[in-house]
Amino acid sequence: MIISYVQTHWKSFSTLVLACGLAWIGLTSIYSTNTTQGLVPAPRQGFLAPDFTLQDMAGNQVSLQSLRGKVVVVNIWTTWCAFCKSEMPAFQKVFDSFQPDSGAVILAVNSTIQDDPVKVAQFVKDYGLRYPILLDASGRTTAAYQVRALPTTFFIDRNGIIQNVTIGGPLTEVMIQTQITSMLSQVP
């Protein structure tokens, strides 16, 4: 009799715990979203872009955080990447089309840990690149952005939130221009 009583209550208790667990899973899946409203850095759309500070070709420090309030395009590339070579002229044309006070910045982050700084300098000269070329010599930025393919481009709004990630390429001038123009038209 006592064993039967314990078994009945144990089954009831187990059923109650299971029901509560299923209800919790259901409620959290309804109210969760694919973003943290910019509170947590992650290299994905809808998340705060991970901050970095890198040196440009002249040895000046550039940090992503210092560009908050501007639309920022972060293009991670190498000199040996065929699609990177194809899209660099498009980035230069877009860079040239924006006025310095437009509120848009293009940063070409060279994954220097996978490249040669001498080749980077020659590449920049050969392609006539005049926008900021940053050197990721340690590989920390490439790792923080979880780059698995080159090129990878992040379009970041004025609040530092990644609005689009493009893996691979090449991006065209129109594609880059459209993304930037769209973000510039958004009210901060």
Foldseek 3Di string as FASTA:
>chain_A
DVVVVVVVVVVVVVVVVVVVVVVVVVVCVVPDDPEPCAPDDALDARYFDDWDWFAWPVRDIDIPVVLQQAKEKEKEAEPVDPLVLVQQLLVQVLVVVDDPPLRYAYEYEYACCPYPSVSVVVSCVVSVHDGTYTYPNVCVSVVRNPQPAPTKMFTAANRRGTRDIDGGDDDHNVRVNVSRVVRSPDDD
